[in-house]
N, C-alpha and C. Protein backbone atom coordinates (compact mmCIF):
# COMPACT_ATOMS: atom_id res chain seq x y z
N MET A 1 78.14 174.34 98.04
CA MET A 1 78.46 172.94 97.91
C MET A 1 78.05 172.24 99.20
N ASN A 2 77.32 171.16 99.06
CA ASN A 2 76.93 170.38 100.24
C ASN A 2 77.86 169.17 100.38
N LYS A 3 77.61 168.35 101.37
CA LYS A 3 78.50 167.23 101.67
C LYS A 3 78.60 166.25 100.51
N SER A 4 77.47 165.89 99.89
CA SER A 4 77.52 164.92 98.79
C SER A 4 78.26 165.48 97.58
N GLU A 5 78.12 166.78 97.33
CA GLU A 5 78.87 167.40 96.24
C GLU A 5 80.36 167.42 96.55
N LEU A 6 80.71 167.66 97.81
CA LEU A 6 82.12 167.64 98.22
C LEU A 6 82.69 166.23 98.06
N ILE A 7 81.93 165.23 98.43
CA ILE A 7 82.38 163.84 98.27
C ILE A 7 82.62 163.53 96.80
N SER A 8 81.73 163.96 95.93
CA SER A 8 81.90 163.74 94.49
C SER A 8 83.14 164.45 93.98
N SER A 9 83.38 165.65 94.45
CA SER A 9 84.56 166.42 94.04
C SER A 9 85.84 165.72 94.50
N ILE A 10 85.86 165.25 95.73
CA ILE A 10 87.03 164.54 96.25
C ILE A 10 87.28 163.27 95.42
N ALA A 11 86.21 162.55 95.12
CA ALA A 11 86.33 161.32 94.34
C ALA A 11 86.90 161.60 92.95
N SER A 12 86.44 162.65 92.31
CA SER A 12 86.92 162.95 90.96
C SER A 12 88.37 163.44 90.96
N LYS A 13 88.78 164.15 92.00
CA LYS A 13 90.15 164.68 92.06
C LYS A 13 91.17 163.63 92.51
N THR A 14 90.74 162.64 93.28
CA THR A 14 91.68 161.66 93.83
C THR A 14 91.63 160.31 93.13
N GLY A 15 90.56 160.04 92.41
CA GLY A 15 90.42 158.73 91.79
C GLY A 15 89.85 157.69 92.74
N LEU A 16 89.50 158.11 93.95
CA LEU A 16 88.87 157.21 94.91
C LEU A 16 87.40 157.02 94.55
N THR A 17 86.81 155.96 95.08
CA THR A 17 85.37 155.79 94.88
C THR A 17 84.64 156.79 95.78
N LYS A 18 83.38 157.01 95.51
CA LYS A 18 82.60 157.91 96.36
C LYS A 18 82.49 157.35 97.78
N THR A 19 82.42 156.03 97.90
CA THR A 19 82.35 155.41 99.22
C THR A 19 83.62 155.68 100.02
N ASP A 20 84.77 155.50 99.37
CA ASP A 20 86.04 155.75 100.04
C ASP A 20 86.21 157.24 100.36
N SER A 21 85.77 158.10 99.44
CA SER A 21 85.85 159.54 99.66
C SER A 21 84.97 159.95 100.84
N SER A 22 83.80 159.32 100.94
CA SER A 22 82.90 159.60 102.04
C SER A 22 83.53 159.17 103.37
N LYS A 23 84.15 158.00 103.38
CA LYS A 23 84.83 157.53 104.59
C LYS A 23 85.96 158.46 104.98
N ALA A 24 86.72 158.93 104.00
CA ALA A 24 87.84 159.84 104.27
C ALA A 24 87.35 161.16 104.84
N LEU A 25 86.28 161.70 104.26
CA LEU A 25 85.73 162.96 104.74
C LEU A 25 85.16 162.79 106.15
N ASP A 26 84.45 161.70 106.38
CA ASP A 26 83.90 161.43 107.71
C ASP A 26 85.01 161.29 108.75
N ALA A 27 86.12 160.64 108.36
CA ALA A 27 87.25 160.48 109.28
C ALA A 27 87.90 161.83 109.57
N PHE A 28 88.00 162.68 108.56
CA PHE A 28 88.56 164.02 108.76
C PHE A 28 87.69 164.82 109.73
N ILE A 29 86.38 164.79 109.51
CA ILE A 29 85.46 165.52 110.38
C ILE A 29 85.52 164.99 111.81
N ALA A 30 85.56 163.68 111.96
CA ALA A 30 85.62 163.07 113.29
C ALA A 30 86.93 163.44 113.99
N SER A 31 88.03 163.41 113.26
CA SER A 31 89.33 163.74 113.85
C SER A 31 89.40 165.18 114.31
N VAL A 32 88.94 166.09 113.45
CA VAL A 32 88.93 167.52 113.82
C VAL A 32 88.00 167.74 115.00
N SER A 33 86.85 167.11 115.00
CA SER A 33 85.88 167.25 116.09
C SER A 33 86.45 166.79 117.42
N GLU A 34 87.16 165.67 117.41
CA GLU A 34 87.76 165.15 118.64
C GLU A 34 88.78 166.12 119.22
N VAL A 35 89.64 166.66 118.36
CA VAL A 35 90.67 167.57 118.83
C VAL A 35 90.05 168.86 119.36
N VAL A 36 89.09 169.40 118.64
CA VAL A 36 88.45 170.65 119.05
C VAL A 36 87.66 170.44 120.34
N ALA A 37 87.01 169.28 120.49
CA ALA A 37 86.25 168.99 121.71
C ALA A 37 87.15 168.96 122.94
N LYS A 38 88.41 168.60 122.76
CA LYS A 38 89.37 168.56 123.86
C LYS A 38 90.03 169.92 124.08
N GLY A 39 89.66 170.92 123.28
CA GLY A 39 90.22 172.26 123.44
C GLY A 39 91.47 172.50 122.62
N GLY A 40 91.83 171.56 121.75
CA GLY A 40 93.02 171.71 120.92
C GLY A 40 92.71 172.44 119.62
N GLU A 41 93.72 172.49 118.75
CA GLU A 41 93.50 173.11 117.46
C GLU A 41 94.13 172.27 116.37
N VAL A 42 93.59 172.37 115.16
CA VAL A 42 94.09 171.65 114.00
C VAL A 42 94.56 172.69 113.00
N ARG A 43 95.86 172.66 112.68
CA ARG A 43 96.44 173.62 111.72
C ARG A 43 96.71 172.91 110.41
N LEU A 44 96.12 173.42 109.35
CA LEU A 44 96.37 172.92 108.01
C LEU A 44 97.03 174.06 107.24
N VAL A 45 98.35 173.98 107.07
CA VAL A 45 99.12 175.06 106.47
C VAL A 45 98.56 175.41 105.10
N GLY A 46 98.29 176.69 104.90
CA GLY A 46 97.75 177.17 103.64
C GLY A 46 96.23 177.15 103.59
N PHE A 47 95.61 176.31 104.40
CA PHE A 47 94.14 176.23 104.41
C PHE A 47 93.56 177.00 105.58
N GLY A 48 93.98 176.66 106.81
CA GLY A 48 93.47 177.39 107.97
C GLY A 48 93.62 176.60 109.24
N THR A 49 93.09 177.18 110.32
CA THR A 49 93.18 176.58 111.65
C THR A 49 91.80 176.49 112.28
N PHE A 50 91.48 175.28 112.75
CA PHE A 50 90.26 175.06 113.52
C PHE A 50 90.66 175.10 114.98
N GLY A 51 89.91 175.83 115.80
CA GLY A 51 90.25 175.91 117.21
C GLY A 51 89.06 176.30 118.06
N VAL A 52 89.32 176.44 119.35
CA VAL A 52 88.28 176.79 120.32
C VAL A 52 88.73 178.04 121.06
N SER A 53 87.80 178.94 121.29
CA SER A 53 88.12 180.09 122.12
C SER A 53 87.00 180.27 123.14
N GLN A 54 87.32 180.95 124.21
CA GLN A 54 86.37 181.18 125.29
C GLN A 54 85.70 182.53 125.09
N ARG A 55 84.39 182.55 125.10
CA ARG A 55 83.64 183.79 125.02
C ARG A 55 83.20 184.16 126.43
N LYS A 56 83.48 185.39 126.84
CA LYS A 56 83.14 185.83 128.19
C LYS A 56 81.63 185.99 128.37
N ALA A 57 81.20 185.94 129.60
CA ALA A 57 79.80 186.22 129.92
C ALA A 57 79.55 187.70 129.68
N THR A 58 78.40 188.02 129.11
CA THR A 58 78.06 189.41 128.83
C THR A 58 76.61 189.68 129.21
N THR A 59 76.25 190.94 129.14
CA THR A 59 74.87 191.33 129.35
C THR A 59 74.32 191.79 128.02
N GLY A 60 73.19 191.24 127.63
CA GLY A 60 72.55 191.62 126.39
C GLY A 60 71.20 192.25 126.67
N ARG A 61 70.49 192.55 125.62
CA ARG A 61 69.15 193.15 125.75
C ARG A 61 68.15 192.34 124.95
N ASN A 62 66.98 192.12 125.55
CA ASN A 62 65.88 191.49 124.84
C ASN A 62 65.35 192.54 123.86
N PRO A 63 65.38 192.26 122.55
CA PRO A 63 64.95 193.27 121.58
C PRO A 63 63.47 193.66 121.69
N ARG A 64 62.65 192.78 122.20
CA ARG A 64 61.22 193.09 122.32
C ARG A 64 60.91 193.97 123.52
N THR A 65 61.55 193.65 124.64
CA THR A 65 61.20 194.37 125.87
C THR A 65 62.27 195.36 126.31
N GLY A 66 63.48 195.21 125.79
CA GLY A 66 64.57 196.07 126.22
C GLY A 66 65.16 195.67 127.55
N GLN A 67 64.64 194.59 128.13
CA GLN A 67 65.10 194.12 129.43
C GLN A 67 66.51 193.52 129.30
N ALA A 68 67.37 193.79 130.29
CA ALA A 68 68.72 193.24 130.30
C ALA A 68 68.66 191.75 130.61
N ILE A 69 69.46 190.98 129.89
CA ILE A 69 69.55 189.54 130.13
C ILE A 69 71.02 189.15 130.22
N LYS A 70 71.29 188.13 131.00
CA LYS A 70 72.66 187.64 131.14
C LYS A 70 72.91 186.57 130.09
N ILE A 71 74.03 186.71 129.39
CA ILE A 71 74.45 185.71 128.42
C ILE A 71 75.65 184.99 129.03
N ALA A 72 75.52 183.69 129.21
CA ALA A 72 76.55 182.91 129.89
C ALA A 72 77.83 182.80 129.06
N ALA A 73 78.93 182.60 129.76
CA ALA A 73 80.20 182.34 129.09
C ALA A 73 80.12 180.98 128.41
N LYS A 74 80.80 180.84 127.29
CA LYS A 74 80.80 179.56 126.60
C LYS A 74 82.01 179.46 125.68
N LYS A 75 82.27 178.24 125.27
CA LYS A 75 83.34 177.99 124.31
C LYS A 75 82.72 178.01 122.92
N VAL A 76 83.45 178.59 121.98
CA VAL A 76 82.98 178.64 120.60
C VAL A 76 84.06 178.08 119.68
N VAL A 77 83.64 177.41 118.63
CA VAL A 77 84.56 176.87 117.64
C VAL A 77 84.83 177.96 116.62
N LYS A 78 86.11 178.12 116.28
CA LYS A 78 86.49 179.15 115.32
C LYS A 78 87.32 178.54 114.21
N PHE A 79 87.25 179.16 113.05
CA PHE A 79 88.09 178.79 111.92
C PHE A 79 88.77 180.05 111.43
N LYS A 80 90.09 180.01 111.37
CA LYS A 80 90.86 181.15 110.86
C LYS A 80 91.46 180.70 109.53
N PRO A 81 91.06 181.31 108.43
CA PRO A 81 91.58 180.89 107.13
C PRO A 81 93.06 181.21 106.98
N GLY A 82 93.76 180.35 106.25
CA GLY A 82 95.18 180.56 105.97
C GLY A 82 95.36 181.54 104.83
N SER A 83 96.57 182.02 104.67
CA SER A 83 96.85 183.05 103.67
C SER A 83 96.60 182.56 102.25
N GLU A 84 96.91 181.30 101.95
CA GLU A 84 96.67 180.77 100.61
C GLU A 84 95.18 180.70 100.30
N LEU A 85 94.37 180.31 101.27
CA LEU A 85 92.92 180.24 101.06
C LEU A 85 92.34 181.64 100.85
N VAL A 86 92.82 182.61 101.62
CA VAL A 86 92.37 183.99 101.46
C VAL A 86 92.75 184.52 100.08
N ALA A 87 93.97 184.19 99.63
CA ALA A 87 94.43 184.65 98.32
C ALA A 87 93.56 184.06 97.21
N LYS A 88 93.23 182.78 97.31
CA LYS A 88 92.37 182.15 96.30
C LYS A 88 90.98 182.76 96.30
N ALA A 89 90.45 183.07 97.47
CA ALA A 89 89.13 183.69 97.57
C ALA A 89 89.12 185.07 96.91
N ASN A 90 90.28 185.72 96.89
CA ASN A 90 90.41 187.04 96.29
C ASN A 90 90.89 186.98 94.85
N GLY A 91 90.89 185.77 94.25
CA GLY A 91 91.23 185.61 92.84
C GLY A 91 92.72 185.61 92.55
N LYS A 92 93.54 185.41 93.56
CA LYS A 92 94.99 185.35 93.36
C LYS A 92 95.45 183.91 93.45
N LYS A 93 96.60 183.61 92.87
CA LYS A 93 97.11 182.25 92.94
C LYS A 93 97.97 182.14 94.11
């Protein structure tokens, strides 16, 4: 499902217009992005948690030459699914 299909799905389930559904989805994305950019997390009970974690600096290998390369530390965005979402993915209610 892409963004336009998601907007159509939201519109059909809520009775909102596609324009309003698009605005709501854009606002959700912007809100989550702002919180995550500040290092916070967004918890949606039953759905999951969006957050940031720190990845340590490591040493990797160039697959072509085998030469060691340094991989810098960085922050990564993570999503941890909630138990209800996992249950639905496994065909349970």
